């Protein structure tokens, strides 16, 4: 998973991002460590992505502390607004290169309602498992 269009480093509280956040998904390279993909069921989900079956696979945007040790939204529903979930959309046209994009997800109208320091986190959820 790669951040194709990310948020700016500073965001005014209460104002929606002008551009959507976009994440893309590419097949892993053979020499990459599988240990990275094993956290949070990531290995199984990456296998699903390699077979290009995205039915029931979703991306979820959440807000965490700067150290990413605690999720703030969720559970809070008033802190992060906008389209925070999206199904994974396969890319239908073939691409050239070492790491073609297989799919993408977008998060639009994202607003952080209160000032502070946060990090955005994208999680992958396979609703079929």
N, C-alpha and C. Protein backbone atom coordinates (compact mmCIF):
# COMPACT_ATOMS: atom_id res chain seq x y z
N UNK A 1 0.85 -1.16 0.00
CA UNK A 1 0.00 0.00 0.00
C UNK A 1 0.90 1.23 0.00
N UNK A 2 0.53 2.20 -0.81
CA UNK A 2 1.32 3.42 -0.93
C UNK A 2 0.39 4.63 -0.93
N UNK A 3 0.83 5.68 -0.30
CA UNK A 3 0.07 6.92 -0.28
C UNK A 3 0.35 7.66 -1.58
N UNK A 4 -0.63 7.70 -2.47
CA UNK A 4 -0.46 8.36 -3.77
C UNK A 4 -0.72 9.85 -3.67
N UNK A 5 -1.76 10.24 -2.93
CA UNK A 5 -2.07 11.64 -2.66
C UNK A 5 -2.29 11.76 -1.16
N UNK A 6 -1.36 12.41 -0.50
CA UNK A 6 -1.43 12.53 0.95
C UNK A 6 -1.93 13.88 1.40
N UNK A 7 -2.21 13.99 2.68
CA UNK A 7 -2.65 15.28 3.22
C UNK A 7 -1.46 16.21 3.40
N UNK A 8 -1.70 17.51 3.50
CA UNK A 8 -0.60 18.42 3.82
C UNK A 8 -0.11 18.15 5.24
N UNK A 9 1.09 18.60 5.55
CA UNK A 9 1.64 18.35 6.89
C UNK A 9 0.92 19.17 7.96
N UNK A 10 0.31 20.28 7.57
CA UNK A 10 -0.45 21.11 8.51
C UNK A 10 -1.85 21.33 7.94
N UNK A 11 -2.84 21.13 8.80
CA UNK A 11 -4.23 21.27 8.40
C UNK A 11 -4.93 22.15 9.42
N UNK A 12 -5.70 23.11 8.96
CA UNK A 12 -6.49 23.95 9.88
C UNK A 12 -7.67 23.14 10.40
N UNK A 13 -7.87 23.16 11.71
CA UNK A 13 -8.99 22.44 12.31
C UNK A 13 -10.31 22.96 11.77
N UNK A 14 -11.18 22.03 11.43
CA UNK A 14 -12.51 22.40 10.97
C UNK A 14 -12.65 22.63 9.48
N UNK A 15 -11.54 22.66 8.75
CA UNK A 15 -11.60 22.87 7.29
C UNK A 15 -11.34 21.55 6.58
N UNK A 16 -12.19 21.25 5.60
CA UNK A 16 -12.02 20.01 4.84
C UNK A 16 -10.80 20.10 3.93
N UNK A 17 -10.11 18.99 3.76
CA UNK A 17 -8.99 18.94 2.82
C UNK A 17 -9.50 19.22 1.42
N UNK A 18 -8.73 19.97 0.65
CA UNK A 18 -9.16 20.31 -0.70
C UNK A 18 -9.02 19.13 -1.66
N UNK A 19 -8.06 18.27 -1.42
CA UNK A 19 -7.84 17.09 -2.27
C UNK A 19 -8.16 15.84 -1.46
N UNK A 20 -8.68 14.82 -2.12
CA UNK A 20 -8.90 13.56 -1.39
C UNK A 20 -7.57 12.88 -1.08
N UNK A 21 -7.57 12.07 -0.06
CA UNK A 21 -6.42 11.21 0.24
C UNK A 21 -6.60 9.95 -0.60
N UNK A 22 -5.55 9.55 -1.31
CA UNK A 22 -5.63 8.38 -2.20
C UNK A 22 -4.52 7.41 -1.83
N UNK A 23 -4.89 6.16 -1.62
CA UNK A 23 -3.90 5.10 -1.42
C UNK A 23 -4.00 4.14 -2.60
N UNK A 24 -2.86 3.63 -3.02
CA UNK A 24 -2.82 2.67 -4.11
C UNK A 24 -2.22 1.36 -3.61
N UNK A 25 -2.53 0.30 -4.31
CA UNK A 25 -2.08 -1.03 -3.94
C UNK A 25 -1.37 -1.66 -5.13
N UNK A 26 -0.17 -2.17 -4.87
CA UNK A 26 0.65 -2.80 -5.90
C UNK A 26 1.08 -4.16 -5.39
N UNK A 27 1.42 -5.08 -6.30
CA UNK A 27 1.92 -6.37 -5.83
C UNK A 27 3.27 -6.18 -5.14
N UNK A 28 3.54 -7.02 -4.16
CA UNK A 28 4.83 -6.94 -3.49
C UNK A 28 5.90 -7.51 -4.39
N UNK A 29 7.09 -6.99 -4.26
CA UNK A 29 8.21 -7.50 -5.04
C UNK A 29 8.69 -8.80 -4.40
N UNK A 30 9.18 -9.73 -5.18
CA UNK A 30 9.59 -11.03 -4.64
C UNK A 30 10.63 -10.94 -3.54
N UNK A 31 11.51 -9.95 -3.55
CA UNK A 31 12.58 -9.87 -2.56
C UNK A 31 12.17 -9.10 -1.30
N UNK A 32 10.92 -8.61 -1.23
CA UNK A 32 10.48 -7.90 -0.03
C UNK A 32 10.18 -8.90 1.07
N UNK A 33 10.41 -8.50 2.30
CA UNK A 33 10.17 -9.36 3.45
C UNK A 33 8.68 -9.55 3.67
N UNK A 34 8.27 -10.79 3.87
CA UNK A 34 6.87 -11.06 4.17
C UNK A 34 6.54 -10.69 5.60
N UNK A 35 7.52 -10.49 6.45
CA UNK A 35 7.26 -10.14 7.84
C UNK A 35 6.47 -8.84 7.94
N UNK A 36 6.75 -7.90 7.05
CA UNK A 36 6.02 -6.63 7.07
C UNK A 36 4.54 -6.84 6.83
N UNK A 37 4.19 -7.78 5.98
CA UNK A 37 2.80 -7.99 5.58
C UNK A 37 2.02 -8.85 6.55
N UNK A 38 2.63 -9.35 7.61
CA UNK A 38 1.93 -10.25 8.51
C UNK A 38 1.17 -9.53 9.62
N UNK A 39 1.44 -8.27 9.88
CA UNK A 39 0.75 -7.55 10.95
C UNK A 39 -0.69 -7.29 10.57
N UNK A 40 -1.58 -7.43 11.54
CA UNK A 40 -3.01 -7.17 11.34
C UNK A 40 -3.59 -7.94 10.16
N UNK A 41 -3.17 -9.19 10.00
CA UNK A 41 -3.71 -10.03 8.93
C UNK A 41 -3.31 -9.52 7.55
N UNK A 42 -2.31 -8.66 7.47
CA UNK A 42 -1.90 -8.07 6.21
C UNK A 42 -1.42 -9.08 5.19
N UNK A 43 -0.80 -10.17 5.64
CA UNK A 43 -0.31 -11.18 4.71
C UNK A 43 -1.43 -11.83 3.92
N UNK A 44 -2.50 -12.20 4.62
CA UNK A 44 -3.64 -12.81 3.93
C UNK A 44 -4.31 -11.80 3.00
N UNK A 45 -4.41 -10.57 3.44
CA UNK A 45 -5.05 -9.56 2.61
C UNK A 45 -4.20 -9.28 1.38
N UNK A 46 -2.87 -9.26 1.53
CA UNK A 46 -2.00 -9.04 0.36
C UNK A 46 -2.15 -10.20 -0.63
N UNK A 47 -2.33 -11.43 -0.12
CA UNK A 47 -2.57 -12.56 -1.03
C UNK A 47 -3.85 -12.33 -1.82
N UNK A 48 -4.89 -11.84 -1.16
CA UNK A 48 -6.14 -11.53 -1.84
C UNK A 48 -5.90 -10.48 -2.91
N UNK A 49 -5.09 -9.47 -2.58
CA UNK A 49 -4.83 -8.40 -3.53
C UNK A 49 -4.02 -8.91 -4.71
N UNK A 50 -3.10 -9.82 -4.47
CA UNK A 50 -2.30 -10.36 -5.56
C UNK A 50 -3.19 -11.11 -6.55
N UNK A 51 -4.24 -11.75 -6.06
CA UNK A 51 -5.14 -12.48 -6.95
C UNK A 51 -6.19 -11.56 -7.56
N UNK A 52 -6.14 -10.27 -7.23
CA UNK A 52 -7.01 -9.23 -7.79
C UNK A 52 -8.48 -9.45 -7.47
N UNK A 53 -8.78 -10.10 -6.35
CA UNK A 53 -10.16 -10.24 -5.89
C UNK A 53 -10.38 -9.24 -4.77
N UNK A 54 -10.97 -8.11 -5.12
CA UNK A 54 -11.16 -7.04 -4.14
C UNK A 54 -12.58 -6.99 -3.60
N UNK A 55 -13.39 -7.96 -3.97
CA UNK A 55 -14.76 -7.99 -3.49
C UNK A 55 -14.79 -8.11 -1.97
N UNK A 56 -15.38 -7.16 -1.30
CA UNK A 56 -15.48 -7.19 0.16
C UNK A 56 -14.26 -6.66 0.89
N UNK A 57 -13.27 -6.12 0.18
CA UNK A 57 -12.08 -5.55 0.82
C UNK A 57 -12.25 -4.04 0.90
N UNK A 58 -12.07 -3.51 2.10
CA UNK A 58 -12.28 -2.08 2.36
C UNK A 58 -11.03 -1.46 2.97
N UNK A 59 -10.90 -0.15 2.78
CA UNK A 59 -9.85 0.64 3.43
C UNK A 59 -10.55 1.59 4.40
N UNK A 60 -10.00 1.72 5.60
CA UNK A 60 -10.57 2.55 6.64
C UNK A 60 -9.53 3.57 7.10
N UNK A 61 -9.91 4.84 7.12
CA UNK A 61 -9.03 5.91 7.58
C UNK A 61 -9.35 6.21 9.03
N UNK A 62 -8.32 6.27 9.86
CA UNK A 62 -8.53 6.60 11.27
C UNK A 62 -7.51 7.64 11.70
N UNK A 63 -7.76 8.23 12.85
CA UNK A 63 -6.91 9.27 13.41
C UNK A 63 -6.27 8.73 14.68
N UNK A 64 -4.95 8.87 14.79
CA UNK A 64 -4.23 8.35 15.95
C UNK A 64 -3.42 9.46 16.61
N UNK A 65 -2.84 9.12 17.75
CA UNK A 65 -1.89 10.02 18.40
C UNK A 65 -0.65 10.12 17.51
N UNK A 66 0.20 11.13 17.71
CA UNK A 66 1.41 11.26 16.87
C UNK A 66 2.32 10.03 16.91
N UNK A 67 2.34 9.31 18.03
CA UNK A 67 3.18 8.11 18.14
C UNK A 67 2.47 6.87 17.60
N UNK A 68 1.22 7.02 17.17
CA UNK A 68 0.39 5.94 16.64
C UNK A 68 0.15 4.83 17.66
N UNK A 69 0.22 5.17 18.96
CA UNK A 69 0.00 4.16 19.98
C UNK A 69 -1.45 4.09 20.46
N UNK A 70 -2.29 5.01 20.01
CA UNK A 70 -3.69 5.00 20.41
C UNK A 70 -4.56 5.55 19.28
N UNK A 71 -5.63 4.83 18.99
CA UNK A 71 -6.59 5.31 18.00
C UNK A 71 -7.53 6.31 18.67
N UNK A 72 -7.71 7.46 18.05
CA UNK A 72 -8.59 8.49 18.60
C UNK A 72 -9.95 8.51 17.89
N UNK A 73 -9.93 8.35 16.60
CA UNK A 73 -11.17 8.33 15.82
C UNK A 73 -11.08 7.23 14.78
N UNK A 74 -11.78 6.12 14.92
CA UNK A 74 -12.64 5.80 16.06
C UNK A 74 -11.81 5.51 17.30
N UNK A 75 -12.36 5.55 18.48
CA UNK A 75 -13.77 5.47 18.83
C UNK A 75 -14.53 6.80 18.78
N UNK A 76 -13.83 7.92 18.86
CA UNK A 76 -14.56 9.19 18.82
C UNK A 76 -15.13 9.43 17.43
N UNK A 77 -16.37 9.86 17.38
CA UNK A 77 -17.01 10.11 16.09
C UNK A 77 -17.05 11.59 15.74
N UNK A 78 -16.64 12.45 16.67
CA UNK A 78 -16.70 13.90 16.43
C UNK A 78 -15.37 14.49 15.98
N UNK A 79 -14.30 13.72 15.94
CA UNK A 79 -12.97 14.25 15.70
C UNK A 79 -12.54 14.18 14.23
N UNK A 80 -12.95 13.15 13.53
CA UNK A 80 -12.58 12.95 12.12
C UNK A 80 -13.86 12.82 11.31
N UNK A 81 -14.03 13.72 10.36
CA UNK A 81 -15.25 13.73 9.54
C UNK A 81 -14.89 13.52 8.08
N UNK A 82 -15.88 13.17 7.29
CA UNK A 82 -15.69 12.96 5.87
C UNK A 82 -15.86 11.50 5.51
N UNK A 83 -15.45 11.17 4.33
CA UNK A 83 -15.56 9.79 3.84
C UNK A 83 -14.34 9.01 4.33
N UNK A 84 -14.49 8.32 5.45
CA UNK A 84 -13.37 7.64 6.10
C UNK A 84 -13.29 6.16 5.76
N UNK A 85 -14.17 5.68 4.91
CA UNK A 85 -14.12 4.28 4.48
C UNK A 85 -14.40 4.22 2.98
N UNK A 86 -13.72 3.30 2.31
CA UNK A 86 -13.95 3.12 0.88
C UNK A 86 -13.64 1.68 0.52
N UNK A 87 -14.43 1.13 -0.38
CA UNK A 87 -14.11 -0.19 -0.90
C UNK A 87 -12.88 -0.05 -1.80
N UNK A 88 -12.15 -1.13 -1.95
CA UNK A 88 -10.97 -1.12 -2.79
C UNK A 88 -11.44 -1.26 -4.24
N UNK A 89 -11.02 -0.31 -5.09
CA UNK A 89 -11.43 -0.29 -6.48
C UNK A 89 -10.31 -0.84 -7.36
N UNK A 90 -10.55 -1.93 -8.08
CA UNK A 90 -9.51 -2.46 -8.96
C UNK A 90 -9.25 -1.53 -10.14
N UNK A 91 -8.00 -1.49 -10.58
CA UNK A 91 -7.63 -0.73 -11.77
C UNK A 91 -7.76 -1.69 -12.93
N UNK A 92 -8.59 -1.34 -13.89
CA UNK A 92 -8.92 -2.30 -14.95
C UNK A 92 -7.93 -2.32 -16.11
N UNK A 93 -7.20 -1.24 -16.34
CA UNK A 93 -6.29 -1.26 -17.49
C UNK A 93 -4.91 -1.74 -17.08
N UNK A 94 -4.26 -2.45 -17.99
CA UNK A 94 -2.93 -2.98 -17.73
C UNK A 94 -1.91 -1.85 -17.73
N UNK A 95 -0.86 -2.03 -16.93
CA UNK A 95 0.17 -1.02 -16.80
C UNK A 95 1.54 -1.65 -16.97
N UNK A 96 2.47 -0.84 -17.40
CA UNK A 96 3.85 -1.27 -17.55
C UNK A 96 4.61 -0.94 -16.26
N UNK A 97 5.75 -1.59 -16.07
CA UNK A 97 6.63 -1.24 -14.96
C UNK A 97 6.79 -2.36 -13.96
N UNK A 98 7.69 -2.12 -13.00
CA UNK A 98 8.01 -3.12 -11.99
C UNK A 98 6.88 -3.33 -11.00
N UNK A 99 6.16 -2.27 -10.68
CA UNK A 99 5.15 -2.35 -9.64
C UNK A 99 3.86 -1.66 -10.09
N UNK A 100 3.10 -2.30 -10.96
CA UNK A 100 1.88 -1.66 -11.45
C UNK A 100 0.84 -1.53 -10.34
N UNK A 101 0.01 -0.52 -10.43
CA UNK A 101 -1.05 -0.33 -9.46
C UNK A 101 -2.18 -1.32 -9.75
N UNK A 102 -2.55 -2.09 -8.72
CA UNK A 102 -3.63 -3.06 -8.86
C UNK A 102 -4.98 -2.45 -8.50
N UNK A 103 -4.96 -1.52 -7.51
CA UNK A 103 -6.22 -0.99 -7.01
C UNK A 103 -5.95 0.30 -6.24
N UNK A 104 -7.04 0.97 -5.86
CA UNK A 104 -6.92 2.21 -5.10
C UNK A 104 -8.14 2.40 -4.21
N UNK A 105 -8.00 3.31 -3.24
CA UNK A 105 -9.10 3.74 -2.38
C UNK A 105 -8.93 5.24 -2.16
N UNK A 106 -10.04 5.95 -2.03
CA UNK A 106 -9.99 7.40 -1.82
C UNK A 106 -10.80 7.78 -0.59
N UNK A 107 -10.34 8.83 0.05
CA UNK A 107 -11.01 9.39 1.23
C UNK A 107 -11.19 10.88 0.97
N UNK A 108 -12.43 11.31 0.79
CA UNK A 108 -12.69 12.70 0.43
C UNK A 108 -13.38 13.47 1.55
N UNK A 109 -13.33 14.79 1.43
CA UNK A 109 -13.95 15.71 2.40
C UNK A 109 -13.48 15.46 3.83
N UNK A 110 -12.22 15.09 3.99
CA UNK A 110 -11.69 14.79 5.32
C UNK A 110 -11.49 16.08 6.10
N UNK A 111 -12.02 16.09 7.32
CA UNK A 111 -11.92 17.23 8.23
C UNK A 111 -11.53 16.73 9.61
N UNK A 112 -10.52 17.36 10.20
CA UNK A 112 -10.19 17.13 11.60
C UNK A 112 -10.79 18.30 12.36
N UNK A 113 -11.68 18.02 13.29
CA UNK A 113 -12.50 19.07 13.88
C UNK A 113 -11.83 19.84 15.02
N UNK A 114 -10.82 19.27 15.65
CA UNK A 114 -10.18 19.93 16.78
C UNK A 114 -8.68 20.07 16.55
N UNK A 115 -8.10 21.21 16.96
CA UNK A 115 -6.65 21.38 16.79
C UNK A 115 -5.88 20.37 17.63
N UNK A 116 -4.69 20.05 17.16
CA UNK A 116 -3.83 19.12 17.88
C UNK A 116 -2.85 18.48 16.92
N UNK A 117 -2.07 17.54 17.43
CA UNK A 117 -1.13 16.79 16.60
C UNK A 117 -1.65 15.37 16.47
N UNK A 118 -1.77 14.92 15.22
CA UNK A 118 -2.34 13.62 14.94
C UNK A 118 -1.58 12.96 13.80
N UNK A 119 -1.87 11.68 13.61
CA UNK A 119 -1.45 10.95 12.41
C UNK A 119 -2.66 10.25 11.84
N UNK A 120 -2.69 10.17 10.53
CA UNK A 120 -3.74 9.42 9.85
C UNK A 120 -3.23 8.01 9.58
N UNK A 121 -4.09 7.03 9.76
CA UNK A 121 -3.73 5.63 9.56
C UNK A 121 -4.74 4.99 8.62
N UNK A 122 -4.25 4.20 7.68
CA UNK A 122 -5.13 3.47 6.77
C UNK A 122 -5.03 1.99 7.12
N UNK A 123 -6.18 1.38 7.37
CA UNK A 123 -6.25 -0.06 7.66
C UNK A 123 -7.02 -0.75 6.54
N UNK A 124 -6.66 -1.99 6.28
CA UNK A 124 -7.33 -2.79 5.27
C UNK A 124 -8.16 -3.84 5.99
N UNK A 125 -9.43 -3.96 5.58
CA UNK A 125 -10.33 -4.92 6.21
C UNK A 125 -10.96 -5.78 5.12
N UNK A 126 -10.84 -7.09 5.27
CA UNK A 126 -11.49 -8.02 4.35
C UNK A 126 -12.77 -8.50 5.03
N UNK A 127 -13.90 -8.04 4.56
CA UNK A 127 -15.19 -8.35 5.17
C UNK A 127 -15.59 -9.82 4.97
N UNK A 128 -14.89 -10.52 4.12
CA UNK A 128 -15.21 -11.93 3.85
C UNK A 128 -14.49 -12.88 4.80
N UNK A 129 -13.62 -12.39 5.64
CA UNK A 129 -12.85 -13.27 6.54
C UNK A 129 -13.28 -13.10 7.95
